[in-house]
Amino acid sequence: MTDENRLNQRELERYRQRVSDRYPVQRALVGGARVDDAHGAAPQRERGPEFVVILVSDAFGGVPWLERVHQCGSLWDAFEMGSRAVVHCYTAAEYERKVEQLPAVRMVAERGLELLPEPA
């Protein structure tokens, strides 16, 4: 695997911790073109966003959508990761609906990396 296809696992863990310090995160996933690269996707393809992050926390309930996305997005270190991320923040119920409704969310749910252990 070349350096450009490696993911900064240390920074992903630090990001997960920064978010978890604010919200009790039940699920954290990262996908996007860089994750696909790390899994050996062909270079000749439509890339889409470099990183797509999905955070699931029932603590997001009552927090306006833009506020939760702004707060969690501002914790992402684009310099360390090499690119910005598209961040999605959902309650568990919202996440279940969005997996069905949004292809980008479904793709990350199916092929993304778990940043937390699988829920029990």
C-alpha atoms as a PDB file:
ATOM      1  CA  MET A   1       0.000   0.000   0.000  1.00  0.00           C
ATOM      2  CA  THR A   2       1.448   3.361  -0.968  1.00  0.00           C
ATOM      3  CA  ASP A   3       1.672   6.269   1.463  1.00  0.00           C
ATOM      4  CA  GLU A   4      -1.064   8.134  -0.392  1.00  0.00           C
ATOM      5  CA  ASN A   5      -3.435   5.186   0.117  1.00  0.00           C
ATOM      6  CA  ARG A   6      -2.781   4.919   3.857  1.00  0.00           C
ATOM      7  CA  LEU A   7      -5.251   6.323   6.302  1.00  0.00           C
ATOM      8  CA  ASN A   8      -4.061   8.260   9.296  1.00  0.00           C
ATOM      9  CA  GLN A   9      -5.480   5.826  11.854  1.00  0.00           C
ATOM     10  CA  ARG A  10      -3.967   7.755  14.749  1.00  0.00           C
ATOM     11  CA  GLU A  11      -5.738  10.956  13.715  1.00  0.00           C
ATOM     12  CA  LEU A  12      -9.000   9.083  13.083  1.00  0.00           C
ATOM     13  CA  GLU A  13      -8.828   7.801  16.662  1.00  0.00           C
ATOM     14  CA  ARG A  14      -8.054  11.281  17.978  1.00  0.00           C
ATOM     15  CA  TYR A  15     -11.011  12.674  16.017  1.00  0.00           C
ATOM     16  CA  ARG A  16     -13.311  10.006  17.434  1.00  0.00           C
ATOM     17  CA  GLN A  17     -12.101  10.897  20.921  1.00  0.00           C
ATOM     18  CA  ARG A  18     -12.599  14.646  20.384  1.00  0.00           C
ATOM     19  CA  VAL A  19     -16.193  14.042  19.270  1.00  0.00           C
ATOM     20  CA  SER A  20     -16.807  11.551  22.099  1.00  0.00           C
ATOM     21  CA  ASP A  21     -15.638  14.158  24.600  1.00  0.00           C
ATOM     22  CA  ARG A  22     -18.643  16.286  23.557  1.00  0.00           C
ATOM     23  CA  TYR A  23     -21.239  13.670  22.664  1.00  0.00           C
ATOM     24  CA  PRO A  24     -21.578  10.043  23.807  1.00  0.00           C
ATOM     25  CA  VAL A  25     -21.153   8.509  20.355  1.00  0.00           C
ATOM     26  CA  GLN A  26     -22.785   5.132  19.810  1.00  0.00           C
ATOM     27  CA  ARG A  27     -21.432   4.669  16.313  1.00  0.00           C
ATOM     28  CA  ALA A  28     -18.716   6.379  14.254  1.00  0.00           C
ATOM     29  CA  LEU A  29     -17.975   5.464  10.651  1.00  0.00           C
ATOM     30  CA  VAL A  30     -15.677   6.927   8.028  1.00  0.00           C
ATOM     31  CA  GLY A  31     -15.890   6.298   4.305  1.00  0.00           C
ATOM     32  CA  GLY A  32     -15.272   8.150   1.084  1.00  0.00           C
ATOM     33  CA  ALA A  33     -12.661   8.082  -1.660  1.00  0.00           C
ATOM     34  CA  ARG A  34      -9.650   7.807   0.669  1.00  0.00           C
ATOM     35  CA  VAL A  35     -11.146   4.806   2.470  1.00  0.00           C
ATOM     36  CA  ASP A  36     -11.966   3.227  -0.899  1.00  0.00           C
ATOM     37  CA  ASP A  37      -8.355   3.886  -1.999  1.00  0.00           C
ATOM     38  CA  ALA A  38      -7.070   2.138   1.124  1.00  0.00           C
ATOM     39  CA  HIS A  39      -9.247  -0.841   0.232  1.00  0.00           C
ATOM     40  CA  GLY A  40      -7.765  -1.059  -3.278  1.00  0.00           C
ATOM     41  CA  ALA A  41     -10.393   0.714  -5.394  1.00  0.00           C
ATOM     42  CA  ALA A  42      -9.401   1.426  -8.975  1.00  0.00           C
ATOM     43  CA  PRO A  43      -7.881   4.902  -9.457  1.00  0.00           C
ATOM     44  CA  GLN A  44     -10.003   5.594 -12.563  1.00  0.00           C
ATOM     45  CA  ARG A  45     -13.384   6.262 -11.008  1.00  0.00           C
ATOM     46  CA  GLU A  46     -15.597   9.096  -9.889  1.00  0.00           C
ATOM     47  CA  ARG A  47     -14.109   9.837  -6.477  1.00  0.00           C
ATOM     48  CA  GLY A  48     -16.745  11.834  -4.673  1.00  0.00           C
ATOM     49  CA  PRO A  49     -15.829  13.306  -1.277  1.00  0.00           C
ATOM     50  CA  GLU A  50     -12.442  12.262   0.090  1.00  0.00           C
ATOM     51  CA  PHE A  51     -13.921  11.538   3.538  1.00  0.00           C
ATOM     52  CA  VAL A  52     -17.504  11.018   4.678  1.00  0.00           C
ATOM     53  CA  VAL A  53     -17.978  10.724   8.436  1.00  0.00           C
ATOM     54  CA  ILE A  54     -21.150   9.424  10.046  1.00  0.00           C
ATOM     55  CA  LEU A  55     -21.626   9.937  13.769  1.00  0.00           C
ATOM     56  CA  VAL A  56     -24.555   8.431  15.654  1.00  0.00           C
ATOM     57  CA  SER A  57     -25.495   9.698  19.101  1.00  0.00           C
ATOM     58  CA  ASP A  58     -28.858  10.039  20.760  1.00  0.00           C
ATOM     59  CA  ALA A  59     -27.382  13.157  22.384  1.00  0.00           C
ATOM     60  CA  PHE A  60     -27.867  14.855  18.985  1.00  0.00           C
ATOM     61  CA  GLY A  61     -31.614  14.821  19.674  1.00  0.00           C
ATOM     62  CA  GLY A  62     -32.706  18.388  20.347  1.00  0.00           C
ATOM     63  CA  VAL A  63     -29.515  19.828  18.828  1.00  0.00           C
ATOM     64  CA  PRO A  64     -30.269  21.588  15.522  1.00  0.00           C
ATOM     65  CA  TRP A  65     -28.823  19.796  12.477  1.00  0.00           C
ATOM     66  CA  LEU A  66     -26.476  22.604  11.423  1.00  0.00           C
ATOM     67  CA  GLU A  67     -25.167  23.076  14.948  1.00  0.00           C
ATOM     68  CA  ARG A  68     -24.270  19.398  15.408  1.00  0.00           C
ATOM     69  CA  VAL A  69     -22.659  19.191  11.963  1.00  0.00           C
ATOM     70  CA  HIS A  70     -20.720  22.414  12.538  1.00  0.00           C
ATOM     71  CA  GLN A  71     -19.503  21.318  15.986  1.00  0.00           C
ATOM     72  CA  CYS A  72     -18.398  17.852  14.880  1.00  0.00           C
ATOM     73  CA  GLY A  73     -17.049  19.086  11.543  1.00  0.00           C
ATOM     74  CA  SER A  74     -14.907  21.700  13.275  1.00  0.00           C
ATOM     75  CA  LEU A  75     -13.198  18.897  15.239  1.00  0.00           C
ATOM     76  CA  TRP A  76     -11.948  17.247  12.008  1.00  0.00           C
ATOM     77  CA  ASP A  77      -8.291  18.043  11.301  1.00  0.00           C
ATOM     78  CA  ALA A  78      -8.147  18.435   7.512  1.00  0.00           C
ATOM     79  CA  PHE A  79      -4.418  19.137   7.607  1.00  0.00           C
ATOM     80  CA  GLU A  80      -3.641  15.877   9.416  1.00  0.00           C
ATOM     81  CA  MET A  81      -6.048  13.871   7.247  1.00  0.00           C
ATOM     82  CA  GLY A  82      -5.097  15.539   3.970  1.00  0.00           C
ATOM     83  CA  SER A  83      -8.616  16.676   3.133  1.00  0.00           C
ATOM     84  CA  ARG A  84     -11.840  17.987   4.594  1.00  0.00           C
ATOM     85  CA  ALA A  85     -14.676  15.650   5.523  1.00  0.00           C
ATOM     86  CA  VAL A  86     -18.387  15.695   4.874  1.00  0.00           C
ATOM     87  CA  VAL A  87     -19.821  15.074   8.342  1.00  0.00           C
ATOM     88  CA  HIS A  88     -23.255  13.600   9.051  1.00  0.00           C
ATOM     89  CA  CYS A  89     -24.580  13.608  12.636  1.00  0.00           C
ATOM     90  CA  TYR A  90     -27.669  11.540  13.434  1.00  0.00           C
ATOM     91  CA  THR A  91     -29.603  10.106  16.317  1.00  0.00           C
ATOM     92  CA  ALA A  92     -30.003   6.314  16.054  1.00  0.00           C
ATOM     93  CA  ALA A  93     -33.517   6.683  14.597  1.00  0.00           C
ATOM     94  CA  GLU A  94     -32.363   9.304  12.073  1.00  0.00           C
ATOM     95  CA  TYR A  95     -29.449   7.093  11.048  1.00  0.00           C
ATOM     96  CA  GLU A  96     -31.733   4.130  10.312  1.00  0.00           C
ATOM     97  CA  ARG A  97     -33.885   6.355   8.062  1.00  0.00           C
ATOM     98  CA  LYS A  98     -30.902   7.976   6.319  1.00  0.00           C
ATOM     99  CA  VAL A  99     -29.315   4.609   5.475  1.00  0.00           C
ATOM    100  CA  GLU A 100     -32.477   3.880   3.495  1.00  0.00           C
ATOM    101  CA  GLN A 101     -32.845   7.381   2.000  1.00  0.00           C
ATOM    102  CA  LEU A 102     -29.327   8.585   1.149  1.00  0.00           C
ATOM    103  CA  PRO A 103     -26.973   6.585  -1.091  1.00  0.00           C
ATOM    104  CA  ALA A 104     -23.857   8.244   0.427  1.00  0.00           C
ATOM    105  CA  VAL A 105     -24.901   7.216   3.936  1.00  0.00           C
ATOM    106  CA  ARG A 106     -25.772   3.691   2.774  1.00  0.00           C
ATOM    107  CA  MET A 107     -22.367   3.367   1.076  1.00  0.00           C
ATOM    108  CA  VAL A 108     -20.491   4.370   4.228  1.00  0.00           C
ATOM    109  CA  ALA A 109     -22.691   2.059   6.324  1.00  0.00           C
ATOM    110  CA  GLU A 110     -21.833  -0.841   3.996  1.00  0.00           C
ATOM    111  CA  ARG A 111     -18.159  -0.147   3.169  1.00  0.00           C
ATOM    112  CA  GLY A 112     -16.898   2.355   5.723  1.00  0.00           C
ATOM    113  CA  LEU A 113     -14.542   1.829   8.627  1.00  0.00           C
ATOM    114  CA  GLU A 114     -15.924   1.552  12.140  1.00  0.00           C
ATOM    115  CA  LEU A 115     -14.157   3.946  14.487  1.00  0.00           C
ATOM    116  CA  LEU A 116     -15.858   2.360  17.506  1.00  0.00           C
ATOM    117  CA  PRO A 117     -16.349  -1.302  18.375  1.00  0.00           C
ATOM    118  CA  GLU A 118     -19.545  -2.835  17.018  1.00  0.00           C
ATOM    119  CA  PRO A 119     -22.536  -2.057  19.260  1.00  0.00           C
ATOM    120  CA  ALA A 120     -23.511  -4.922  21.552  1.00  0.00           C
END
